[in-house]
């Protein structure tokens, strides 16, 4: 699996775990990096994705709500 693909997969796992368990994204991201023994390139990209999500969470939610029917976030 490519490095960026692995980072994107783990980012989705981190976001789900954060939402489901109400754990901080930083701690979830750090744990996933440790558990998966990620190389610097993968861990850096994973943390970048998480950071962009945190910065744009409200915009992302509004976009999803705007394109979904009968589904509130």
PDB file of N, CA and C in Angstrom:
ATOM      1  N   UNK A   1       0.849  -1.171   0.000  1.00  0.00           N
ATOM      2  CA  UNK A   1       0.000   0.000   0.000  1.00  0.00           C
ATOM      3  C   UNK A   1       0.892   1.231   0.000  1.00  0.00           C
ATOM      4  N   UNK A   2       0.529   2.224  -0.799  1.00  0.00           N
ATOM      5  CA  UNK A   2       1.302   3.459  -0.861  1.00  0.00           C
ATOM      6  C   UNK A   2       1.230   4.241   0.442  1.00  0.00           C
ATOM      7  N   UNK A   3       2.240   5.051   0.661  1.00  0.00           N
ATOM      8  CA  UNK A   3       2.352   5.800   1.911  1.00  0.00           C
ATOM      9  C   UNK A   3       1.176   6.762   2.105  1.00  0.00           C
ATOM     10  N   UNK A   4       0.839   7.498   1.074  1.00  0.00           N
ATOM     11  CA  UNK A   4      -0.251   8.472   1.208  1.00  0.00           C
ATOM     12  C   UNK A   4      -1.595   7.775   1.365  1.00  0.00           C
ATOM     13  N   UNK A   5      -1.764   6.658   0.689  1.00  0.00           N
ATOM     14  CA  UNK A   5      -3.014   5.903   0.839  1.00  0.00           C
ATOM     15  C   UNK A   5      -3.148   5.396   2.272  1.00  0.00           C
ATOM     16  N   UNK A   6      -2.064   4.885   2.823  1.00  0.00           N
ATOM     17  CA  UNK A   6      -2.064   4.406   4.205  1.00  0.00           C
ATOM     18  C   UNK A   6      -2.417   5.545   5.158  1.00  0.00           C
ATOM     19  N   UNK A   7      -1.856   6.721   4.940  1.00  0.00           N
ATOM     20  CA  UNK A   7      -2.135   7.882   5.788  1.00  0.00           C
ATOM     21  C   UNK A   7      -3.604   8.282   5.703  1.00  0.00           C
ATOM     22  N   UNK A   8      -4.168   8.260   4.492  1.00  0.00           N
ATOM     23  CA  UNK A   8      -5.581   8.610   4.329  1.00  0.00           C
ATOM     24  C   UNK A   8      -6.480   7.595   5.021  1.00  0.00           C
ATOM     25  N   UNK A   9      -6.138   6.319   4.910  1.00  0.00           N
ATOM     26  CA  UNK A   9      -6.916   5.269   5.573  1.00  0.00           C
ATOM     27  C   UNK A   9      -6.882   5.469   7.093  1.00  0.00           C
ATOM     28  N   UNK A  10      -5.713   5.717   7.628  1.00  0.00           N
ATOM     29  CA  UNK A  10      -5.590   5.912   9.069  1.00  0.00           C
ATOM     30  C   UNK A  10      -6.256   7.207   9.523  1.00  0.00           C
ATOM     31  N   UNK A  11      -6.264   8.217   8.669  1.00  0.00           N
ATOM     32  CA  UNK A  11      -6.952   9.464   9.015  1.00  0.00           C
ATOM     33  C   UNK A  11      -8.450   9.219   9.168  1.00  0.00           C
ATOM     34  N   UNK A  12      -9.032   8.432   8.268  1.00  0.00           N
ATOM     35  CA  UNK A  12     -10.448   8.101   8.391  1.00  0.00           C
ATOM     36  C   UNK A  12     -10.717   7.319   9.673  1.00  0.00           C
ATOM     37  N   UNK A  13      -9.828   6.396   9.998  1.00  0.00           N
ATOM     38  CA  UNK A  13      -9.973   5.645  11.249  1.00  0.00           C
ATOM     39  C   UNK A  13      -9.885   6.581  12.445  1.00  0.00           C
ATOM     40  N   UNK A  14      -8.961   7.528  12.397  1.00  0.00           N
ATOM     41  CA  UNK A  14      -8.793   8.476  13.505  1.00  0.00           C
ATOM     42  C   UNK A  14     -10.039   9.339  13.658  1.00  0.00           C
ATOM     43  N   UNK A  15     -10.588   9.822  12.547  1.00  0.00           N
ATOM     44  CA  UNK A  15     -11.783  10.658  12.604  1.00  0.00           C
ATOM     45  C   UNK A  15     -12.973   9.889  13.152  1.00  0.00           C
ATOM     46  N   UNK A  16     -13.126   8.642  12.728  1.00  0.00           N
ATOM     47  CA  UNK A  16     -14.220   7.809  13.234  1.00  0.00           C
ATOM     48  C   UNK A  16     -14.052   7.576  14.729  1.00  0.00           C
ATOM     49  N   UNK A  17     -12.853   7.191  15.138  1.00  0.00           N
ATOM     50  CA  UNK A  17     -12.609   6.919  16.548  1.00  0.00           C
ATOM     51  C   UNK A  17     -12.820   8.171  17.398  1.00  0.00           C
ATOM     52  N   UNK A  18     -12.363   9.301  16.903  1.00  0.00           N
ATOM     53  CA  UNK A  18     -12.561  10.569  17.603  1.00  0.00           C
ATOM     54  C   UNK A  18     -14.053  10.849  17.792  1.00  0.00           C
ATOM     55  N   UNK A  19     -14.824  10.686  16.742  1.00  0.00           N
ATOM     56  CA  UNK A  19     -16.259  10.966  16.795  1.00  0.00           C
ATOM     57  C   UNK A  19     -16.989   9.962  17.672  1.00  0.00           C
ATOM     58  N   UNK A  20     -16.632   8.698  17.565  1.00  0.00           N
ATOM     59  CA  UNK A  20     -17.330   7.628  18.275  1.00  0.00           C
ATOM     60  C   UNK A  20     -16.977   7.597  19.756  1.00  0.00           C
ATOM     61  N   UNK A  21     -15.705   7.757  20.080  1.00  0.00           N
ATOM     62  CA  UNK A  21     -15.239   7.623  21.471  1.00  0.00           C
ATOM     63  C   UNK A  21     -14.966   8.951  22.158  1.00  0.00           C
ATOM     64  N   UNK A  22     -15.111  10.047  21.413  1.00  0.00           N
ATOM     65  CA  UNK A  22     -14.865  11.383  21.959  1.00  0.00           C
ATOM     66  C   UNK A  22     -13.444  11.538  22.514  1.00  0.00           C
ATOM     67  N   UNK A  23     -12.481  10.905  21.854  1.00  0.00           N
ATOM     68  CA  UNK A  23     -11.073  11.069  22.211  1.00  0.00           C
ATOM     69  C   UNK A  23     -10.485  12.176  21.347  1.00  0.00           C
ATOM     70  N   UNK A  24      -9.466  12.847  21.853  1.00  0.00           N
ATOM     71  CA  UNK A  24      -8.858  13.921  21.061  1.00  0.00           C
ATOM     72  C   UNK A  24      -8.204  13.336  19.809  1.00  0.00           C
ATOM     73  N   UNK A  25      -8.295  14.099  18.728  1.00  0.00           N
ATOM     74  CA  UNK A  25      -7.694  13.641  17.470  1.00  0.00           C
ATOM     75  C   UNK A  25      -6.183  13.492  17.602  1.00  0.00           C
ATOM     76  N   UNK A  26      -5.567  14.377  18.372  1.00  0.00           N
ATOM     77  CA  UNK A  26      -4.121  14.288  18.561  1.00  0.00           C
ATOM     78  C   UNK A  26      -3.704  12.982  19.208  1.00  0.00           C
ATOM     79  N   UNK A  27      -4.417  12.584  20.256  1.00  0.00           N
ATOM     80  CA  UNK A  27      -4.057  11.335  20.935  1.00  0.00           C
ATOM     81  C   UNK A  27      -4.360  10.119  20.069  1.00  0.00           C
ATOM     82  N   UNK A  28      -5.454  10.177  19.326  1.00  0.00           N
ATOM     83  CA  UNK A  28      -5.783   9.065  18.424  1.00  0.00           C
ATOM     84  C   UNK A  28      -4.731   8.964  17.327  1.00  0.00           C
ATOM     85  N   UNK A  29      -4.355  10.097  16.740  1.00  0.00           N
ATOM     86  CA  UNK A  29      -3.332  10.103  15.695  1.00  0.00           C
ATOM     87  C   UNK A  29      -2.005   9.586  16.205  1.00  0.00           C
ATOM     88  N   UNK A  30      -1.596  10.032  17.383  1.00  0.00           N
ATOM     89  CA  UNK A  30      -0.332   9.568  17.967  1.00  0.00           C
ATOM     90  C   UNK A  30      -0.353   8.064  18.212  1.00  0.00           C
ATOM     91  N   UNK A  31      -1.483   7.566  18.714  1.00  0.00           N
ATOM     92  CA  UNK A  31      -1.595   6.127  18.970  1.00  0.00           C
ATOM     93  C   UNK A  31      -1.513   5.327  17.679  1.00  0.00           C
ATOM     94  N   UNK A  32      -2.200   5.793  16.640  1.00  0.00           N
ATOM     95  CA  UNK A  32      -2.166   5.080  15.355  1.00  0.00           C
ATOM     96  C   UNK A  32      -0.762   5.079  14.761  1.00  0.00           C
ATOM     97  N   UNK A  33      -0.045   6.170  14.925  1.00  0.00           N
ATOM     98  CA  UNK A  33       1.334   6.237  14.437  1.00  0.00           C
ATOM     99  C   UNK A  33       2.189   5.206  15.157  1.00  0.00           C
ATOM    100  N   UNK A  34       2.056   5.142  16.476  1.00  0.00           N
ATOM    101  CA  UNK A  34       2.840   4.194  17.273  1.00  0.00           C
ATOM    102  C   UNK A  34       2.451   2.753  16.963  1.00  0.00           C
ATOM    103  N   UNK A  35       1.155   2.469  16.961  1.00  0.00           N
ATOM    104  CA  UNK A  35       0.681   1.093  16.737  1.00  0.00           C
ATOM    105  C   UNK A  35       1.073   0.558  15.362  1.00  0.00           C
ATOM    106  N   UNK A  36       1.109   1.433  14.380  1.00  0.00           N
ATOM    107  CA  UNK A  36       1.401   1.000  13.013  1.00  0.00           C
ATOM    108  C   UNK A  36       2.859   1.168  12.625  1.00  0.00           C
ATOM    109  N   UNK A  37       3.671   1.659  13.548  1.00  0.00           N
ATOM    110  CA  UNK A  37       5.093   1.838  13.261  1.00  0.00           C
ATOM    111  C   UNK A  37       5.329   2.634  11.991  1.00  0.00           C
ATOM    112  N   UNK A  38       4.625   3.765  11.862  1.00  0.00           N
ATOM    113  CA  UNK A  38       4.662   4.530  10.622  1.00  0.00           C
ATOM    114  C   UNK A  38       5.979   5.257  10.418  1.00  0.00           C
ATOM    115  N   UNK A  39       6.390   5.304   9.179  1.00  0.00           N
ATOM    116  CA  UNK A  39       7.567   6.083   8.801  1.00  0.00           C
ATOM    117  C   UNK A  39       7.207   7.562   8.857  1.00  0.00           C
ATOM    118  N   UNK A  40       8.205   8.405   8.870  1.00  0.00           N
ATOM    119  CA  UNK A  40       8.007   9.850   8.998  1.00  0.00           C
ATOM    120  C   UNK A  40       7.100  10.401   7.906  1.00  0.00           C
ATOM    121  N   UNK A  41       7.281   9.951   6.677  1.00  0.00           N
ATOM    122  CA  UNK A  41       6.473  10.450   5.564  1.00  0.00           C
ATOM    123  C   UNK A  41       4.990  10.178   5.796  1.00  0.00           C
ATOM    124  N   UNK A  42       4.660   8.969   6.225  1.00  0.00           N
ATOM    125  CA  UNK A  42       3.266   8.590   6.445  1.00  0.00           C
ATOM    126  C   UNK A  42       2.702   9.318   7.656  1.00  0.00           C
ATOM    127  N   UNK A  43       3.457   9.341   8.753  1.00  0.00           N
ATOM    128  CA  UNK A  43       2.955   9.987   9.964  1.00  0.00           C
ATOM    129  C   UNK A  43       2.775  11.495   9.751  1.00  0.00           C
ATOM    130  N   UNK A  44       3.672  12.116   9.018  1.00  0.00           N
ATOM    131  CA  UNK A  44       3.547  13.551   8.737  1.00  0.00           C
ATOM    132  C   UNK A  44       2.286  13.842   7.925  1.00  0.00           C
ATOM    133  N   UNK A  45       2.033  13.023   6.918  1.00  0.00           N
ATOM    134  CA  UNK A  45       0.845  13.234   6.086  1.00  0.00           C
ATOM    135  C   UNK A  45      -0.423  12.963   6.889  1.00  0.00           C
ATOM    136  N   UNK A  46      -0.416  11.937   7.726  1.00  0.00           N
ATOM    137  CA  UNK A  46      -1.561  11.641   8.588  1.00  0.00           C
ATOM    138  C   UNK A  46      -1.873  12.841   9.476  1.00  0.00           C
ATOM    139  N   UNK A  47      -0.863  13.387  10.143  1.00  0.00           N
ATOM    140  CA  UNK A  47      -1.069  14.536  11.026  1.00  0.00           C
ATOM    141  C   UNK A  47      -1.512  15.772  10.249  1.00  0.00           C
ATOM    142  N   UNK A  48      -1.044  15.913   9.014  1.00  0.00           N
ATOM    143  CA  UNK A  48      -1.465  17.029   8.165  1.00  0.00           C
ATOM    144  C   UNK A  48      -2.955  16.915   7.836  1.00  0.00           C
ATOM    145  N   UNK A  49      -3.403  15.714   7.493  1.00  0.00           N
ATOM    146  CA  UNK A  49      -4.826  15.502   7.193  1.00  0.00           C
ATOM    147  C   UNK A  49      -5.672  15.820   8.418  1.00  0.00           C
ATOM    148  N   UNK A  50      -5.257  15.321   9.568  1.00  0.00           N
ATOM    149  CA  UNK A  50      -5.997  15.569  10.807  1.00  0.00           C
ATOM    150  C   UNK A  50      -6.046  17.067  11.097  1.00  0.00           C
ATOM    151  N   UNK A  51      -4.930  17.745  10.918  1.00  0.00           N
ATOM    152  CA  UNK A  51      -4.863  19.182  11.169  1.00  0.00           C
ATOM    153  C   UNK A  51      -5.813  19.944  10.254  1.00  0.00           C
ATOM    154  N   UNK A  52      -5.840  19.578   8.973  1.00  0.00           N
ATOM    155  CA  UNK A  52      -6.735  20.243   8.022  1.00  0.00           C
ATOM    156  C   UNK A  52      -8.199  19.983   8.388  1.00  0.00           C
ATOM    157  N   UNK A  53      -8.485  18.787   8.866  1.00  0.00           N
ATOM    158  CA  UNK A  53      -9.853  18.493   9.291  1.00  0.00           C
ATOM    159  C   UNK A  53     -10.253  19.390  10.457  1.00  0.00           C
ATOM    160  N   UNK A  54      -9.387  19.501  11.452  1.00  0.00           N
ATOM    161  CA  UNK A  54      -9.687  20.332  12.622  1.00  0.00           C
ATOM    162  C   UNK A  54      -9.949  21.779  12.192  1.00  0.00           C
ATOM    163  N   UNK A  55      -9.120  22.283  11.290  1.00  0.00           N
ATOM    164  CA  UNK A  55      -9.262  23.664  10.816  1.00  0.00           C
ATOM    165  C   UNK A  55     -10.537  23.889  10.009  1.00  0.00           C
ATOM    166  N   UNK A  56     -11.013  22.856   9.329  1.00  0.00           N
ATOM    167  CA  UNK A  56     -12.132  23.011   8.395  1.00  0.00           C
ATOM    168  C   UNK A  56     -13.360  22.190   8.758  1.00  0.00           C
ATOM    169  N   UNK A  57     -13.447  21.729   9.984  1.00  0.00           N
ATOM    170  CA  UNK A  57     -14.526  20.839  10.411  1.00  0.00           C
ATOM    171  C   UNK A  57     -15.913  21.423  10.127  1.00  0.00           C
ATOM    172  N   UNK A  58     -16.139  22.668  10.483  1.00  0.00           N
ATOM    173  CA  UNK A  58     -17.457  23.273  10.272  1.00  0.00           C
ATOM    174  C   UNK A  58     -17.795  23.387   8.790  1.00  0.00           C
ATOM    175  N   UNK A  59     -16.834  23.764   7.973  1.00  0.00           N
ATOM    176  CA  UNK A  59     -17.059  23.866   6.527  1.00  0.00           C
ATOM    177  C   UNK A  59     -17.394  22.497   5.937  1.00  0.00           C
ATOM    178  N   UNK A  60     -16.662  21.484   6.378  1.00  0.00           N
ATOM    179  CA  UNK A  60     -16.889  20.122   5.880  1.00  0.00           C
ATOM    180  C   UNK A  60     -18.293  19.658   6.248  1.00  0.00           C
ATOM    181  N   UNK A  61     -18.682  19.867   7.515  1.00  0.00           N
ATOM    182  CA  UNK A  61     -20.023  19.470   7.953  1.00  0.00           C
ATOM    183  C   UNK A  61     -21.108  20.171   7.140  1.00  0.00           C
ATOM    184  N   UNK A  62     -20.938  21.474   6.863  1.00  0.00           N
ATOM    185  CA  UNK A  62     -21.927  22.216   6.084  1.00  0.00           C
ATOM    186  C   UNK A  62     -22.018  21.686   4.660  1.00  0.00           C
ATOM    187  N   UNK A  63     -20.872  21.318   4.092  1.00  0.00           N
ATOM    188  CA  UNK A  63     -20.881  20.762   2.734  1.00  0.00           C
ATOM    189  C   UNK A  63     -21.620  19.425   2.707  1.00  0.00           C
ATOM    190  N   UNK A  64     -21.358  18.587   3.693  1.00  0.00           N
ATOM    191  CA  UNK A  64     -22.033  17.293   3.752  1.00  0.00           C
ATOM    192  C   UNK A  64     -23.532  17.484   3.946  1.00  0.00           C
ATOM    193  N   UNK A  65     -23.907  18.349   4.875  1.00  0.00           N
ATOM    194  CA  UNK A  65     -25.331  18.611   5.111  1.00  0.00           C
ATOM    195  C   UNK A  65     -26.014  19.163   3.866  1.00  0.00           C
ATOM    196  N   UNK A  66     -25.317  19.991   3.119  1.00  0.00           N
ATOM    197  CA  UNK A  66     -25.876  20.560   1.902  1.00  0.00           C
ATOM    198  C   UNK A  66     -26.116  19.547   0.798  1.00  0.00           C
ATOM    199  N   UNK A  67     -25.413  18.441   0.838  1.00  0.00           N
ATOM    200  CA  UNK A  67     -25.531  17.420  -0.204  1.00  0.00           C
ATOM    201  C   UNK A  67     -26.219  16.153   0.262  1.00  0.00           C
ATOM    202  N   UNK A  68     -26.682  16.143   1.490  1.00  0.00           N
ATOM    203  CA  UNK A  68     -27.349  14.930   1.994  1.00  0.00           C
ATOM    204  C   UNK A  68     -28.824  15.219   2.229  1.00  0.00           C
ATOM    205  N   UNK A  69     -29.614  14.210   2.016  1.00  0.00           N
ATOM    206  CA  UNK A  69     -31.044  14.319   2.236  1.00  0.00           C
ATOM    207  C   UNK A  69     -31.428  13.527   3.472  1.00  0.00           C
ATOM    208  N   UNK A  70     -32.207  14.158   4.336  1.00  0.00           N
ATOM    209  CA  UNK A  70     -32.728  13.493   5.531  1.00  0.00           C
ATOM    210  C   UNK A  70     -31.632  12.960   6.443  1.00  0.00           C
ATOM    211  N   UNK A  71     -30.514  13.693   6.519  1.00  0.00           N
ATOM    212  CA  UNK A  71     -29.393  13.242   7.349  1.00  0.00           C
ATOM    213  C   UNK A  71     -28.705  14.446   7.957  1.00  0.00           C
ATOM    214  N   UNK A  72     -28.908  14.626   9.234  1.00  0.00           N
ATOM    215  CA  UNK A  72     -28.302  15.754   9.955  1.00  0.00           C
ATOM    216  C   UNK A  72     -27.018  15.300  10.615  1.00  0.00           C
ATOM    217  N   UNK A  73     -26.045  16.204  10.700  1.00  0.00           N
ATOM    218  CA  UNK A  73     -24.788  15.908  11.370  1.00  0.00           C
ATOM    219  C   UNK A  73     -24.815  16.447  12.779  1.00  0.00           C
TER     220      UNK A  73
END
